[in-house]
């Protein structure tokens, strides 16, 4: 960043990008099943990436929702009144 708050401008490496959004099933886990959930999620995401990259042209960016990274626990749901 320059002193005046601007950034250097560089040309794009490509005119366009291929972006894919990955929507996966959300599987809840408990502390007891955490290790299995992490292994299952890693395997599922890896398979999705392979399948996506092998279908059509190569993708430049793959987007996942937050749950494959953070996991999901029922305790996080606020109780209803």
PDB file of N, CA and C in Angstrom:
ATOM      1  N   UNK A   1       0.839  -1.157   0.000  1.00  0.00           N
ATOM      2  CA  UNK A   1       0.000   0.000   0.000  1.00  0.00           C
ATOM      3  C   UNK A   1       0.896   1.236   0.000  1.00  0.00           C
ATOM      4  N   UNK A   2       0.519   2.147  -0.844  1.00  0.00           N
ATOM      5  CA  UNK A   2       1.260   3.398  -0.935  1.00  0.00           C
ATOM      6  C   UNK A   2       0.894   4.314   0.235  1.00  0.00           C
ATOM      7  N   UNK A   3       1.685   5.335   0.449  1.00  0.00           N
ATOM      8  CA  UNK A   3       1.451   6.289   1.530  1.00  0.00           C
ATOM      9  C   UNK A   3       0.088   6.964   1.385  1.00  0.00           C
ATOM     10  N   UNK A   4      -0.344   7.174   0.141  1.00  0.00           N
ATOM     11  CA  UNK A   4      -1.632   7.854  -0.091  1.00  0.00           C
ATOM     12  C   UNK A   4      -2.829   6.888  -0.031  1.00  0.00           C
ATOM     13  N   UNK A   5      -2.589   5.620   0.329  1.00  0.00           N
ATOM     14  CA  UNK A   5      -3.683   4.666   0.486  1.00  0.00           C
ATOM     15  C   UNK A   5      -4.024   3.882  -0.771  1.00  0.00           C
ATOM     16  N   UNK A   6      -3.289   4.070  -1.856  1.00  0.00           N
ATOM     17  CA  UNK A   6      -3.564   3.331  -3.091  1.00  0.00           C
ATOM     18  C   UNK A   6      -2.669   2.102  -3.172  1.00  0.00           C
ATOM     19  N   UNK A   7      -3.002   1.221  -4.114  1.00  0.00           N
ATOM     20  CA  UNK A   7      -2.227   0.012  -4.352  1.00  0.00           C
ATOM     21  C   UNK A   7      -1.685   0.032  -5.772  1.00  0.00           C
ATOM     22  N   UNK A   8      -0.628  -0.696  -5.986  1.00  0.00           N
ATOM     23  CA  UNK A   8      -0.110  -0.856  -7.335  1.00  0.00           C
ATOM     24  C   UNK A   8      -1.129  -1.634  -8.159  1.00  0.00           C
ATOM     25  N   UNK A   9      -1.194  -1.328  -9.441  1.00  0.00           N
ATOM     26  CA  UNK A   9      -2.115  -2.016 -10.342  1.00  0.00           C
ATOM     27  C   UNK A   9      -1.309  -2.980 -11.207  1.00  0.00           C
ATOM     28  N   UNK A  10      -1.763  -4.224 -11.251  1.00  0.00           N
ATOM     29  CA  UNK A  10      -1.102  -5.225 -12.085  1.00  0.00           C
ATOM     30  C   UNK A  10      -2.137  -5.847 -13.011  1.00  0.00           C
ATOM     31  N   UNK A  11      -1.741  -6.288 -14.183  1.00  0.00           N
ATOM     32  CA  UNK A  11      -2.704  -6.906 -15.095  1.00  0.00           C
ATOM     33  C   UNK A  11      -3.160  -8.266 -14.561  1.00  0.00           C
ATOM     34  N   UNK A  12      -4.383  -8.642 -14.903  1.00  0.00           N
ATOM     35  CA  UNK A  12      -4.907  -9.946 -14.520  1.00  0.00           C
ATOM     36  C   UNK A  12      -4.168 -11.032 -15.286  1.00  0.00           C
ATOM     37  N   UNK A  13      -4.005 -12.188 -14.667  1.00  0.00           N
ATOM     38  CA  UNK A  13      -3.331 -13.286 -15.350  1.00  0.00           C
ATOM     39  C   UNK A  13      -4.269 -13.972 -16.342  1.00  0.00           C
ATOM     40  N   UNK A  14      -5.580 -13.809 -16.141  1.00  0.00           N
ATOM     41  CA  UNK A  14      -6.581 -14.392 -17.040  1.00  0.00           C
ATOM     42  C   UNK A  14      -7.713 -13.388 -17.215  1.00  0.00           C
ATOM     43  N   UNK A  15      -8.391 -13.483 -18.341  1.00  0.00           N
ATOM     44  CA  UNK A  15      -9.538 -12.600 -18.595  1.00  0.00           C
ATOM     45  C   UNK A  15     -10.758 -12.998 -17.773  1.00  0.00           C
ATOM     46  N   UNK A  16     -10.888 -14.294 -17.478  1.00  0.00           N
ATOM     47  CA  UNK A  16     -12.039 -14.757 -16.703  1.00  0.00           C
ATOM     48  C   UNK A  16     -11.618 -15.921 -15.811  1.00  0.00           C
ATOM     49  N   UNK A  17     -12.426 -16.175 -14.782  1.00  0.00           N
ATOM     50  CA  UNK A  17     -12.178 -17.266 -13.844  1.00  0.00           C
ATOM     51  C   UNK A  17     -13.341 -18.236 -13.864  1.00  0.00           C
ATOM     52  N   UNK A  18     -13.045 -19.493 -13.629  1.00  0.00           N
ATOM     53  CA  UNK A  18     -14.081 -20.516 -13.483  1.00  0.00           C
ATOM     54  C   UNK A  18     -14.238 -20.795 -11.993  1.00  0.00           C
ATOM     55  N   UNK A  19     -15.424 -20.490 -11.470  1.00  0.00           N
ATOM     56  CA  UNK A  19     -15.688 -20.621 -10.036  1.00  0.00           C
ATOM     57  C   UNK A  19     -16.827 -21.618  -9.828  1.00  0.00           C
ATOM     58  N   UNK A  20     -16.658 -22.501  -8.870  1.00  0.00           N
ATOM     59  CA  UNK A  20     -17.683 -23.490  -8.550  1.00  0.00           C
ATOM     60  C   UNK A  20     -18.007 -23.411  -7.066  1.00  0.00           C
ATOM     61  N   UNK A  21     -19.285 -23.446  -6.754  1.00  0.00           N
ATOM     62  CA  UNK A  21     -19.737 -23.456  -5.360  1.00  0.00           C
ATOM     63  C   UNK A  21     -20.078 -24.893  -4.993  1.00  0.00           C
ATOM     64  N   UNK A  22     -19.501 -25.365  -3.896  1.00  0.00           N
ATOM     65  CA  UNK A  22     -19.708 -26.742  -3.453  1.00  0.00           C
ATOM     66  C   UNK A  22     -20.710 -26.738  -2.303  1.00  0.00           C
ATOM     67  N   UNK A  23     -21.860 -27.303  -2.516  1.00  0.00           N
ATOM     68  CA  UNK A  23     -22.863 -27.415  -1.462  1.00  0.00           C
ATOM     69  C   UNK A  23     -22.891 -28.859  -1.001  1.00  0.00           C
ATOM     70  N   UNK A  24     -22.608 -29.089   0.261  1.00  0.00           N
ATOM     71  CA  UNK A  24     -22.558 -30.454   0.779  1.00  0.00           C
ATOM     72  C   UNK A  24     -23.615 -30.661   1.853  1.00  0.00           C
ATOM     73  N   UNK A  25     -23.844 -31.898   2.154  1.00  0.00           N
ATOM     74  CA  UNK A  25     -24.750 -32.261   3.240  1.00  0.00           C
ATOM     75  C   UNK A  25     -24.109 -31.865   4.566  1.00  0.00           C
ATOM     76  N   UNK A  26     -24.902 -31.395   5.486  1.00  0.00           N
ATOM     77  CA  UNK A  26     -24.414 -31.045   6.815  1.00  0.00           C
ATOM     78  C   UNK A  26     -24.725 -32.209   7.742  1.00  0.00           C
ATOM     79  N   UNK A  27     -23.679 -32.770   8.307  1.00  0.00           N
ATOM     80  CA  UNK A  27     -23.844 -33.886   9.240  1.00  0.00           C
ATOM     81  C   UNK A  27     -23.442 -33.429  10.635  1.00  0.00           C
ATOM     82  N   UNK A  28     -24.343 -33.512  11.586  1.00  0.00           N
ATOM     83  CA  UNK A  28     -23.990 -33.103  12.948  1.00  0.00           C
ATOM     84  C   UNK A  28     -23.030 -34.111  13.591  1.00  0.00           C
ATOM     85  N   UNK A  29     -22.303 -33.653  14.589  1.00  0.00           N
ATOM     86  CA  UNK A  29     -21.393 -34.521  15.312  1.00  0.00           C
ATOM     87  C   UNK A  29     -21.442 -34.210  16.797  1.00  0.00           C
ATOM     88  N   UNK A  30     -20.971 -35.143  17.582  1.00  0.00           N
ATOM     89  CA  UNK A  30     -20.826 -34.942  19.024  1.00  0.00           C
ATOM     90  C   UNK A  30     -19.351 -35.095  19.347  1.00  0.00           C
ATOM     91  N   UNK A  31     -18.955 -34.793  20.565  1.00  0.00           N
ATOM     92  CA  UNK A  31     -17.552 -34.931  20.937  1.00  0.00           C
ATOM     93  C   UNK A  31     -17.083 -36.373  20.751  1.00  0.00           C
ATOM     94  N   UNK A  32     -17.977 -37.314  21.018  1.00  0.00           N
ATOM     95  CA  UNK A  32     -17.637 -38.736  20.896  1.00  0.00           C
ATOM     96  C   UNK A  32     -17.410 -39.136  19.439  1.00  0.00           C
ATOM     97  N   UNK A  33     -18.142 -38.540  18.499  1.00  0.00           N
ATOM     98  CA  UNK A  33     -18.041 -38.913  17.086  1.00  0.00           C
ATOM     99  C   UNK A  33     -17.202 -37.932  16.271  1.00  0.00           C
ATOM    100  N   UNK A  34     -16.511 -37.015  16.929  1.00  0.00           N
ATOM    101  CA  UNK A  34     -15.771 -35.965  16.239  1.00  0.00           C
ATOM    102  C   UNK A  34     -14.721 -36.514  15.274  1.00  0.00           C
ATOM    103  N   UNK A  35     -13.902 -37.460  15.700  1.00  0.00           N
ATOM    104  CA  UNK A  35     -12.832 -38.003  14.847  1.00  0.00           C
ATOM    105  C   UNK A  35     -13.397 -38.639  13.587  1.00  0.00           C
ATOM    106  N   UNK A  36     -14.461 -39.399  13.738  1.00  0.00           N
ATOM    107  CA  UNK A  36     -15.099 -40.013  12.582  1.00  0.00           C
ATOM    108  C   UNK A  36     -15.679 -38.951  11.655  1.00  0.00           C
ATOM    109  N   UNK A  37     -16.286 -37.918  12.225  1.00  0.00           N
ATOM    110  CA  UNK A  37     -16.877 -36.843  11.420  1.00  0.00           C
ATOM    111  C   UNK A  37     -15.809 -36.099  10.625  1.00  0.00           C
ATOM    112  N   UNK A  38     -14.666 -35.835  11.245  1.00  0.00           N
ATOM    113  CA  UNK A  38     -13.576 -35.144  10.547  1.00  0.00           C
ATOM    114  C   UNK A  38     -13.073 -36.000   9.393  1.00  0.00           C
ATOM    115  N   UNK A  39     -12.872 -37.277   9.628  1.00  0.00           N
ATOM    116  CA  UNK A  39     -12.391 -38.181   8.574  1.00  0.00           C
ATOM    117  C   UNK A  39     -13.403 -38.277   7.432  1.00  0.00           C
ATOM    118  N   UNK A  40     -14.674 -38.414   7.775  1.00  0.00           N
ATOM    119  CA  UNK A  40     -15.722 -38.523   6.756  1.00  0.00           C
ATOM    120  C   UNK A  40     -15.828 -37.236   5.945  1.00  0.00           C
ATOM    121  N   UNK A  41     -15.766 -36.088   6.615  1.00  0.00           N
ATOM    122  CA  UNK A  41     -15.860 -34.806   5.923  1.00  0.00           C
ATOM    123  C   UNK A  41     -14.661 -34.593   5.012  1.00  0.00           C
ATOM    124  N   UNK A  42     -13.462 -34.921   5.473  1.00  0.00           N
ATOM    125  CA  UNK A  42     -12.258 -34.783   4.654  1.00  0.00           C
ATOM    126  C   UNK A  42     -12.355 -35.636   3.401  1.00  0.00           C
ATOM    127  N   UNK A  43     -12.813 -36.849   3.561  1.00  0.00           N
ATOM    128  CA  UNK A  43     -12.959 -37.753   2.418  1.00  0.00           C
ATOM    129  C   UNK A  43     -14.004 -37.235   1.430  1.00  0.00           C
ATOM    130  N   UNK A  44     -15.142 -36.779   1.955  1.00  0.00           N
ATOM    131  CA  UNK A  44     -16.207 -36.249   1.097  1.00  0.00           C
ATOM    132  C   UNK A  44     -15.732 -35.029   0.323  1.00  0.00           C
ATOM    133  N   UNK A  45     -15.084 -34.096   0.999  1.00  0.00           N
ATOM    134  CA  UNK A  45     -14.605 -32.877   0.332  1.00  0.00           C
ATOM    135  C   UNK A  45     -13.552 -33.208  -0.711  1.00  0.00           C
ATOM    136  N   UNK A  46     -12.656 -34.129  -0.400  1.00  0.00           N
ATOM    137  CA  UNK A  46     -11.626 -34.543  -1.353  1.00  0.00           C
ATOM    138  C   UNK A  46     -12.257 -35.156  -2.604  1.00  0.00           C
ATOM    139  N   UNK A  47     -13.261 -36.014  -2.406  1.00  0.00           N
ATOM    140  CA  UNK A  47     -13.970 -36.617  -3.546  1.00  0.00           C
ATOM    141  C   UNK A  47     -14.686 -35.552  -4.376  1.00  0.00           C
ATOM    142  N   UNK A  48     -15.318 -34.583  -3.720  1.00  0.00           N
ATOM    143  CA  UNK A  48     -16.002 -33.509  -4.444  1.00  0.00           C
ATOM    144  C   UNK A  48     -15.029 -32.679  -5.273  1.00  0.00           C
ATOM    145  N   UNK A  49     -13.880 -32.382  -4.713  1.00  0.00           N
ATOM    146  CA  UNK A  49     -12.867 -31.613  -5.443  1.00  0.00           C
ATOM    147  C   UNK A  49     -12.398 -32.396  -6.659  1.00  0.00           C
ATOM    148  N   UNK A  50     -12.085 -33.673  -6.476  1.00  0.00           N
ATOM    149  CA  UNK A  50     -11.646 -34.504  -7.609  1.00  0.00           C
ATOM    150  C   UNK A  50     -12.710 -34.576  -8.691  1.00  0.00           C
ATOM    151  N   UNK A  51     -13.952 -34.834  -8.285  1.00  0.00           N
ATOM    152  CA  UNK A  51     -15.038 -34.948  -9.263  1.00  0.00           C
ATOM    153  C   UNK A  51     -15.269 -33.638 -10.007  1.00  0.00           C
ATOM    154  N   UNK A  52     -15.209 -32.534  -9.293  1.00  0.00           N
ATOM    155  CA  UNK A  52     -15.442 -31.233  -9.906  1.00  0.00           C
ATOM    156  C   UNK A  52     -14.336 -30.887 -10.893  1.00  0.00           C
ATOM    157  N   UNK A  53     -13.102 -31.148 -10.526  1.00  0.00           N
ATOM    158  CA  UNK A  53     -11.988 -30.817 -11.409  1.00  0.00           C
ATOM    159  C   UNK A  53     -11.927 -31.735 -12.628  1.00  0.00           C
ATOM    160  N   UNK A  54     -12.516 -32.921 -12.526  1.00  0.00           N
ATOM    161  CA  UNK A  54     -12.519 -33.846 -13.658  1.00  0.00           C
ATOM    162  C   UNK A  54     -13.745 -33.688 -14.552  1.00  0.00           C
ATOM    163  N   UNK A  55     -14.664 -32.807 -14.189  1.00  0.00           N
ATOM    164  CA  UNK A  55     -15.883 -32.586 -14.964  1.00  0.00           C
ATOM    165  C   UNK A  55     -15.783 -31.217 -15.629  1.00  0.00           C
ATOM    166  N   UNK A  56     -15.672 -31.198 -16.926  1.00  0.00           N
ATOM    167  CA  UNK A  56     -15.575 -29.930 -17.642  1.00  0.00           C
ATOM    168  C   UNK A  56     -14.196 -29.315 -17.474  1.00  0.00           C
ATOM    169  N   UNK A  57     -14.095 -28.033 -17.789  1.00  0.00           N
ATOM    170  CA  UNK A  57     -12.788 -27.378 -17.673  1.00  0.00           C
ATOM    171  C   UNK A  57     -12.348 -27.245 -16.210  1.00  0.00           C
ATOM    172  N   UNK A  58     -11.043 -27.142 -16.009  1.00  0.00           N
ATOM    173  CA  UNK A  58     -10.501 -26.987 -14.652  1.00  0.00           C
ATOM    174  C   UNK A  58     -11.047 -25.719 -14.015  1.00  0.00           C
ATOM    175  N   UNK A  59     -11.323 -25.805 -12.734  1.00  0.00           N
ATOM    176  CA  UNK A  59     -11.857 -24.657 -11.991  1.00  0.00           C
ATOM    177  C   UNK A  59     -10.710 -23.898 -11.343  1.00  0.00           C
ATOM    178  N   UNK A  60     -10.818 -22.575 -11.308  1.00  0.00           N
ATOM    179  CA  UNK A  60      -9.813 -21.734 -10.673  1.00  0.00           C
ATOM    180  C   UNK A  60     -10.080 -21.559  -9.186  1.00  0.00           C
ATOM    181  N   UNK A  61     -11.357 -21.617  -8.805  1.00  0.00           N
ATOM    182  CA  UNK A  61     -11.728 -21.383  -7.409  1.00  0.00           C
ATOM    183  C   UNK A  61     -12.896 -22.284  -7.044  1.00  0.00           C
ATOM    184  N   UNK A  62     -12.764 -22.998  -5.923  1.00  0.00           N
ATOM    185  CA  UNK A  62     -13.844 -23.822  -5.389  1.00  0.00           C
ATOM    186  C   UNK A  62     -14.253 -23.223  -4.054  1.00  0.00           C
ATOM    187  N   UNK A  63     -15.550 -23.009  -3.873  1.00  0.00           N
ATOM    188  CA  UNK A  63     -16.053 -22.438  -2.625  1.00  0.00           C
ATOM    189  C   UNK A  63     -16.878 -23.481  -1.885  1.00  0.00           C
ATOM    190  N   UNK A  64     -16.603 -23.641  -0.618  1.00  0.00           N
ATOM    191  CA  UNK A  64     -17.394 -24.497   0.264  1.00  0.00           C
ATOM    192  C   UNK A  64     -18.096 -23.609   1.283  1.00  0.00           C
ATOM    193  N   UNK A  65     -19.230 -24.064   1.780  1.00  0.00           N
ATOM    194  CA  UNK A  65     -19.868 -23.351   2.886  1.00  0.00           C
ATOM    195  C   UNK A  65     -19.059 -23.624   4.152  1.00  0.00           C
ATOM    196  N   UNK A  66     -19.406 -23.005   5.257  1.00  0.00           N
ATOM    197  CA  UNK A  66     -18.567 -23.062   6.453  1.00  0.00           C
ATOM    198  C   UNK A  66     -18.600 -24.400   7.184  1.00  0.00           C
ATOM    199  N   UNK A  67     -19.629 -25.214   7.040  1.00  0.00           N
ATOM    200  CA  UNK A  67     -19.741 -26.413   7.866  1.00  0.00           C
ATOM    201  C   UNK A  67     -18.698 -27.494   7.607  1.00  0.00           C
ATOM    202  N   UNK A  68     -18.187 -27.687   6.382  1.00  0.00           N
ATOM    203  CA  UNK A  68     -17.117 -28.685   6.251  1.00  0.00           C
ATOM    204  C   UNK A  68     -15.875 -28.319   7.063  1.00  0.00           C
ATOM    205  N   UNK A  69     -15.685 -27.055   7.342  1.00  0.00           N
ATOM    206  CA  UNK A  69     -14.509 -26.616   8.087  1.00  0.00           C
ATOM    207  C   UNK A  69     -14.793 -26.606   9.590  1.00  0.00           C
ATOM    208  N   UNK A  70     -15.909 -26.043   9.983  1.00  0.00           N
ATOM    209  CA  UNK A  70     -16.202 -25.877  11.410  1.00  0.00           C
ATOM    210  C   UNK A  70     -16.958 -27.043  12.010  1.00  0.00           C
ATOM    211  N   UNK A  71     -17.652 -27.823  11.192  1.00  0.00           N
ATOM    212  CA  UNK A  71     -18.514 -28.867  11.727  1.00  0.00           C
ATOM    213  C   UNK A  71     -19.824 -28.261  12.211  1.00  0.00           C
ATOM    214  N   UNK A  72     -20.691 -29.097  12.734  1.00  0.00           N
ATOM    215  CA  UNK A  72     -21.989 -28.633  13.201  1.00  0.00           C
ATOM    216  C   UNK A  72     -22.401 -29.460  14.402  1.00  0.00           C
ATOM    217  N   UNK A  73     -22.871 -28.795  15.424  1.00  0.00           N
ATOM    218  CA  UNK A  73     -23.361 -29.491  16.614  1.00  0.00           C
ATOM    219  C   UNK A  73     -24.761 -28.985  16.937  1.00  0.00           C
ATOM    220  N   UNK A  74     -25.638 -29.902  17.316  1.00  0.00           N
ATOM    221  CA  UNK A  74     -27.007 -29.522  17.644  1.00  0.00           C
ATOM    222  C   UNK A  74     -27.071 -28.512  18.786  1.00  0.00           C
ATOM    223  N   UNK A  75     -26.081 -28.536  19.670  1.00  0.00           N
ATOM    224  CA  UNK A  75     -26.064 -27.625  20.812  1.00  0.00           C
ATOM    225  C   UNK A  75     -25.985 -26.157  20.364  1.00  0.00           C
ATOM    226  N   UNK A  76     -25.540 -25.920  19.135  1.00  0.00           N
ATOM    227  CA  UNK A  76     -25.385 -24.554  18.635  1.00  0.00           C
ATOM    228  C   UNK A  76     -26.712 -23.927  18.219  1.00  0.00           C
ATOM    229  N   UNK A  77     -27.737 -24.752  18.103  1.00  0.00           N
ATOM    230  CA  UNK A  77     -29.048 -24.226  17.706  1.00  0.00           C
ATOM    231  C   UNK A  77     -29.692 -23.585  18.922  1.00  0.00           C
ATOM    232  N   UNK A  78     -30.109 -22.329  18.767  1.00  0.00           N
ATOM    233  CA  UNK A  78     -30.759 -21.631  19.878  1.00  0.00           C
ATOM    234  C   UNK A  78     -32.100 -22.267  20.174  1.00  0.00           C
ATOM    235  N   UNK A  79     -32.445 -22.441  21.445  1.00  0.00           N
ATOM    236  CA  UNK A  79     -33.748 -23.031  21.777  1.00  0.00           C
ATOM    237  C   UNK A  79     -34.878 -22.111  21.321  1.00  0.00           C
ATOM    238  N   UNK A  80     -35.950 -22.716  20.890  1.00  0.00           N
ATOM    239  CA  UNK A  80     -37.113 -21.935  20.490  1.00  0.00           C
ATOM    240  C   UNK A  80     -38.023 -21.688  21.677  1.00  0.00           C
ATOM    241  N   UNK A  81     -38.704 -20.587  21.667  1.00  0.00           N
ATOM    242  CA  UNK A  81     -39.594 -20.222  22.780  1.00  0.00           C
ATOM    243  C   UNK A  81     -41.013 -20.664  22.509  1.00  0.00           C
TER     244      UNK A  81
END
